[in-house]
């Protein structure tokens, strides 16, 4: 987004990718994939269509955010791979069916 938002704010977005990831707490490890989207009305990010369009430093910052957020809760978050918008849409569709 171009501007800050608040928790629980609904923002129309375009999916641009998927971070396939695992989250560990103690002996338990689960998948904890993250969808990445760009606000539909974003001026600064309107040209972004896929993760590969993002500045590599910004993408690393996003991944570090999830790692640090989980570390603060005593969990380890590990990115396994980066996927494009098609994989993000498939993951969203699978989640909607459940």
N, C-alpha and C. Protein backbone atom coordinates (compact mmCIF):
# COMPACT_ATOMS: atom_id res chain seq x y z
N UNK A 1 0.84 -1.19 0.00
CA UNK A 1 0.00 0.00 0.00
C UNK A 1 0.88 1.24 0.00
N UNK A 2 0.29 2.33 -0.38
CA UNK A 2 0.98 3.61 -0.38
C UNK A 2 0.91 4.29 0.99
N UNK A 3 -0.08 3.93 1.78
CA UNK A 3 -0.31 4.58 3.07
C UNK A 3 -0.53 3.54 4.15
N UNK A 4 -0.30 3.90 5.40
CA UNK A 4 -0.53 2.95 6.49
C UNK A 4 -2.02 2.60 6.61
N UNK A 5 -2.30 1.47 7.19
CA UNK A 5 -3.67 1.04 7.46
C UNK A 5 -3.72 0.53 8.91
N UNK A 6 -4.88 0.20 9.36
CA UNK A 6 -5.04 -0.30 10.72
C UNK A 6 -5.42 -1.78 10.69
N UNK A 7 -5.18 -2.46 11.79
CA UNK A 7 -5.51 -3.89 11.89
C UNK A 7 -7.01 -4.07 11.65
N UNK A 8 -7.33 -5.05 10.81
CA UNK A 8 -8.72 -5.34 10.50
C UNK A 8 -9.28 -4.54 9.34
N UNK A 9 -8.48 -3.66 8.77
CA UNK A 9 -8.90 -2.84 7.63
C UNK A 9 -9.02 -3.73 6.39
N UNK A 10 -10.11 -3.59 5.66
CA UNK A 10 -10.33 -4.36 4.44
C UNK A 10 -9.83 -3.56 3.25
N UNK A 11 -8.89 -4.12 2.50
CA UNK A 11 -8.29 -3.43 1.36
C UNK A 11 -8.39 -4.33 0.14
N UNK A 12 -8.98 -3.83 -0.93
CA UNK A 12 -9.05 -4.59 -2.18
C UNK A 12 -7.63 -4.71 -2.74
N UNK A 13 -7.25 -5.94 -3.10
CA UNK A 13 -5.88 -6.13 -3.58
C UNK A 13 -5.82 -7.12 -4.73
N UNK A 14 -4.64 -7.15 -5.33
CA UNK A 14 -4.31 -8.08 -6.41
C UNK A 14 -3.22 -9.00 -5.89
N UNK A 15 -3.44 -10.31 -5.96
CA UNK A 15 -2.42 -11.25 -5.52
C UNK A 15 -1.23 -11.22 -6.46
N UNK A 16 -0.03 -11.12 -5.89
CA UNK A 16 1.18 -11.09 -6.72
C UNK A 16 2.13 -12.25 -6.41
N UNK A 17 1.83 -13.00 -5.36
CA UNK A 17 2.71 -14.12 -5.07
C UNK A 17 2.38 -14.83 -3.77
N UNK A 18 3.20 -15.82 -3.52
CA UNK A 18 3.03 -16.70 -2.37
C UNK A 18 4.39 -16.99 -1.78
N UNK A 19 4.49 -16.90 -0.47
CA UNK A 19 5.68 -17.35 0.25
C UNK A 19 5.31 -18.69 0.88
N UNK A 20 5.86 -19.77 0.35
CA UNK A 20 5.63 -21.07 0.96
C UNK A 20 6.57 -21.14 2.15
N UNK A 21 6.01 -21.48 3.33
CA UNK A 21 6.81 -21.40 4.55
C UNK A 21 6.40 -22.46 5.56
N UNK A 22 7.30 -22.69 6.50
CA UNK A 22 7.05 -23.55 7.64
C UNK A 22 7.21 -22.73 8.91
N UNK A 23 6.43 -23.12 9.90
CA UNK A 23 6.50 -22.47 11.20
C UNK A 23 6.71 -23.57 12.24
N UNK A 24 7.70 -23.38 13.09
CA UNK A 24 8.01 -24.38 14.11
C UNK A 24 7.88 -23.79 15.50
N UNK A 25 7.34 -24.62 16.39
CA UNK A 25 7.27 -24.28 17.80
C UNK A 25 7.57 -25.57 18.56
N UNK A 26 8.73 -25.60 19.20
CA UNK A 26 9.15 -26.83 19.87
C UNK A 26 9.38 -27.92 18.84
N UNK A 27 8.76 -29.06 19.05
CA UNK A 27 8.91 -30.20 18.14
C UNK A 27 7.93 -30.17 16.96
N UNK A 28 6.94 -29.30 17.03
CA UNK A 28 5.90 -29.27 16.00
C UNK A 28 6.25 -28.28 14.88
N UNK A 29 6.14 -28.75 13.64
CA UNK A 29 6.34 -27.91 12.47
C UNK A 29 5.12 -28.03 11.57
N UNK A 30 4.59 -26.87 11.18
CA UNK A 30 3.42 -26.84 10.30
C UNK A 30 3.69 -25.92 9.12
N UNK A 31 2.95 -26.10 8.04
CA UNK A 31 3.02 -25.18 6.91
C UNK A 31 2.29 -23.91 7.32
N UNK A 32 2.84 -22.77 6.92
CA UNK A 32 2.23 -21.48 7.24
C UNK A 32 2.50 -20.52 6.08
N UNK A 33 1.98 -20.87 4.91
CA UNK A 33 2.21 -20.07 3.70
C UNK A 33 1.58 -18.69 3.85
N UNK A 34 2.16 -17.72 3.14
CA UNK A 34 1.69 -16.33 3.18
C UNK A 34 1.40 -15.84 1.78
N UNK A 35 0.20 -15.31 1.59
CA UNK A 35 -0.16 -14.68 0.33
C UNK A 35 0.37 -13.25 0.36
N UNK A 36 0.86 -12.77 -0.78
CA UNK A 36 1.35 -11.40 -0.89
C UNK A 36 0.50 -10.70 -1.94
N UNK A 37 -0.05 -9.55 -1.56
CA UNK A 37 -0.89 -8.79 -2.46
C UNK A 37 -0.49 -7.33 -2.50
N UNK A 38 -0.96 -6.65 -3.51
CA UNK A 38 -0.74 -5.22 -3.70
C UNK A 38 -2.12 -4.56 -3.74
N UNK A 39 -2.27 -3.48 -3.00
CA UNK A 39 -3.54 -2.76 -3.02
C UNK A 39 -3.90 -2.37 -4.45
N UNK A 40 -5.13 -2.65 -4.84
CA UNK A 40 -5.58 -2.39 -6.21
C UNK A 40 -5.40 -0.92 -6.60
N UNK A 41 -5.62 -0.03 -5.67
CA UNK A 41 -5.55 1.41 -5.95
C UNK A 41 -4.18 2.01 -5.63
N UNK A 42 -3.17 1.20 -5.38
CA UNK A 42 -1.84 1.72 -5.02
C UNK A 42 -1.20 2.43 -6.21
N UNK A 43 -0.74 3.65 -5.97
CA UNK A 43 -0.04 4.38 -7.03
C UNK A 43 1.40 3.90 -7.15
N UNK A 44 2.08 3.79 -6.01
CA UNK A 44 3.51 3.43 -6.03
C UNK A 44 3.75 1.97 -6.43
N UNK A 45 2.76 1.12 -6.21
CA UNK A 45 2.94 -0.31 -6.48
C UNK A 45 1.99 -0.83 -7.56
N UNK A 46 1.35 0.07 -8.28
CA UNK A 46 0.39 -0.32 -9.31
C UNK A 46 0.98 -1.17 -10.41
N UNK A 47 2.27 -1.04 -10.67
CA UNK A 47 2.93 -1.80 -11.73
C UNK A 47 3.31 -3.22 -11.30
N UNK A 48 3.21 -3.52 -10.03
CA UNK A 48 3.62 -4.84 -9.51
C UNK A 48 2.58 -5.89 -9.91
N UNK A 49 3.03 -6.90 -10.62
CA UNK A 49 2.17 -8.01 -11.05
C UNK A 49 2.61 -9.35 -10.45
N UNK A 50 3.87 -9.43 -10.00
CA UNK A 50 4.43 -10.67 -9.44
C UNK A 50 5.51 -10.31 -8.43
N UNK A 51 5.85 -11.26 -7.57
CA UNK A 51 6.90 -11.03 -6.58
C UNK A 51 8.20 -10.58 -7.24
N UNK A 52 8.47 -11.09 -8.42
CA UNK A 52 9.71 -10.74 -9.12
C UNK A 52 9.76 -9.26 -9.53
N UNK A 53 8.60 -8.57 -9.50
CA UNK A 53 8.56 -7.14 -9.80
C UNK A 53 8.92 -6.28 -8.59
N UNK A 54 8.91 -6.89 -7.41
CA UNK A 54 9.24 -6.15 -6.19
C UNK A 54 10.74 -5.92 -6.08
N UNK A 55 11.10 -4.82 -5.46
CA UNK A 55 12.50 -4.57 -5.14
C UNK A 55 12.97 -5.73 -4.24
N UNK A 56 14.08 -6.38 -4.56
CA UNK A 56 14.55 -7.51 -3.75
C UNK A 56 14.70 -7.16 -2.26
N UNK A 57 15.10 -5.93 -1.96
CA UNK A 57 15.23 -5.53 -0.56
C UNK A 57 13.87 -5.50 0.14
N UNK A 58 12.84 -5.06 -0.55
CA UNK A 58 11.50 -5.04 0.03
C UNK A 58 11.01 -6.45 0.27
N UNK A 59 11.25 -7.35 -0.66
CA UNK A 59 10.83 -8.74 -0.50
C UNK A 59 11.53 -9.38 0.70
N UNK A 60 12.82 -9.12 0.85
CA UNK A 60 13.55 -9.63 2.02
C UNK A 60 13.00 -9.03 3.31
N UNK A 61 12.62 -7.75 3.27
CA UNK A 61 12.04 -7.09 4.44
C UNK A 61 10.71 -7.75 4.84
N UNK A 62 9.90 -8.08 3.85
CA UNK A 62 8.63 -8.76 4.12
C UNK A 62 8.89 -10.11 4.78
N UNK A 63 9.84 -10.87 4.24
CA UNK A 63 10.16 -12.18 4.82
C UNK A 63 10.70 -12.03 6.24
N UNK A 64 11.54 -11.03 6.47
CA UNK A 64 12.08 -10.80 7.82
C UNK A 64 10.98 -10.41 8.79
N UNK A 65 9.99 -9.65 8.31
CA UNK A 65 8.87 -9.28 9.17
C UNK A 65 8.21 -10.54 9.73
N UNK A 66 7.90 -11.50 8.85
CA UNK A 66 7.24 -12.72 9.31
C UNK A 66 8.15 -13.52 10.24
N UNK A 67 9.44 -13.58 9.95
CA UNK A 67 10.39 -14.28 10.82
C UNK A 67 10.45 -13.63 12.20
N UNK A 68 10.57 -12.31 12.24
CA UNK A 68 10.68 -11.59 13.51
C UNK A 68 9.38 -11.64 14.30
N UNK A 69 8.25 -11.53 13.61
CA UNK A 69 6.94 -11.60 14.25
C UNK A 69 6.77 -12.94 14.95
N UNK A 70 7.13 -14.02 14.27
CA UNK A 70 7.02 -15.34 14.86
C UNK A 70 8.05 -15.56 15.96
N UNK A 71 9.26 -15.05 15.78
CA UNK A 71 10.30 -15.19 16.80
C UNK A 71 9.86 -14.55 18.11
N UNK A 72 9.16 -13.42 18.03
CA UNK A 72 8.67 -12.75 19.23
C UNK A 72 7.66 -13.62 19.99
N UNK A 73 7.01 -14.54 19.27
CA UNK A 73 6.05 -15.46 19.88
C UNK A 73 6.70 -16.81 20.21
N UNK A 74 8.03 -16.89 20.07
CA UNK A 74 8.74 -18.13 20.39
C UNK A 74 8.67 -19.18 19.29
N UNK A 75 8.39 -18.75 18.07
CA UNK A 75 8.27 -19.67 16.94
C UNK A 75 9.33 -19.34 15.91
N UNK A 76 9.66 -20.33 15.10
CA UNK A 76 10.61 -20.13 14.00
C UNK A 76 9.82 -20.18 12.70
N UNK A 77 10.06 -19.20 11.83
CA UNK A 77 9.38 -19.10 10.55
C UNK A 77 10.43 -19.19 9.46
N UNK A 78 10.27 -20.17 8.56
CA UNK A 78 11.26 -20.39 7.50
C UNK A 78 10.58 -20.36 6.14
N UNK A 79 11.03 -19.47 5.27
CA UNK A 79 10.51 -19.42 3.91
C UNK A 79 11.14 -20.55 3.12
N UNK A 80 10.30 -21.38 2.51
CA UNK A 80 10.77 -22.52 1.71
C UNK A 80 10.96 -22.13 0.25
N UNK A 81 10.04 -21.30 -0.27
CA UNK A 81 10.13 -20.88 -1.66
C UNK A 81 9.23 -19.68 -1.91
N UNK A 82 9.49 -19.03 -3.03
CA UNK A 82 8.67 -17.92 -3.50
C UNK A 82 7.98 -18.37 -4.77
N UNK A 83 6.69 -18.13 -4.84
CA UNK A 83 5.90 -18.51 -6.02
C UNK A 83 5.17 -17.29 -6.57
N UNK A 84 4.72 -17.40 -7.79
CA UNK A 84 4.04 -16.31 -8.47
C UNK A 84 2.55 -16.24 -8.19
N UNK A 85 1.86 -15.35 -8.92
CA UNK A 85 0.44 -15.14 -8.69
C UNK A 85 -0.43 -16.36 -8.95
N UNK A 86 -0.08 -17.20 -9.92
CA UNK A 86 -0.89 -18.40 -10.21
C UNK A 86 -0.91 -19.32 -8.99
N UNK A 87 0.23 -19.53 -8.36
CA UNK A 87 0.30 -20.38 -7.16
C UNK A 87 -0.47 -19.73 -6.00
N UNK A 88 -0.41 -18.41 -5.90
CA UNK A 88 -1.15 -17.71 -4.85
C UNK A 88 -2.65 -17.91 -5.03
N UNK A 89 -3.14 -17.81 -6.27
CA UNK A 89 -4.57 -18.01 -6.54
C UNK A 89 -4.98 -19.44 -6.25
N UNK A 90 -4.15 -20.42 -6.60
CA UNK A 90 -4.47 -21.83 -6.31
C UNK A 90 -4.58 -22.05 -4.81
N UNK A 91 -3.64 -21.49 -4.06
CA UNK A 91 -3.64 -21.64 -2.60
C UNK A 91 -4.90 -21.00 -2.01
N UNK A 92 -5.27 -19.84 -2.49
CA UNK A 92 -6.48 -19.17 -2.01
C UNK A 92 -7.72 -19.99 -2.34
N UNK A 93 -7.78 -20.55 -3.53
CA UNK A 93 -8.93 -21.37 -3.92
C UNK A 93 -9.05 -22.61 -3.04
N UNK A 94 -7.89 -23.26 -2.76
CA UNK A 94 -7.90 -24.45 -1.89
C UNK A 94 -8.40 -24.09 -0.50
N UNK A 95 -7.98 -22.94 0.01
CA UNK A 95 -8.39 -22.51 1.34
C UNK A 95 -9.87 -22.17 1.38
N UNK A 96 -10.41 -21.64 0.29
CA UNK A 96 -11.83 -21.25 0.23
C UNK A 96 -12.73 -22.46 0.20
N UNK A 97 -12.24 -23.57 -0.30
CA UNK A 97 -13.05 -24.79 -0.42
C UNK A 97 -13.23 -25.47 0.93
N UNK A 98 -12.25 -25.33 1.81
CA UNK A 98 -12.29 -26.03 3.10
C UNK A 98 -13.31 -25.48 4.03
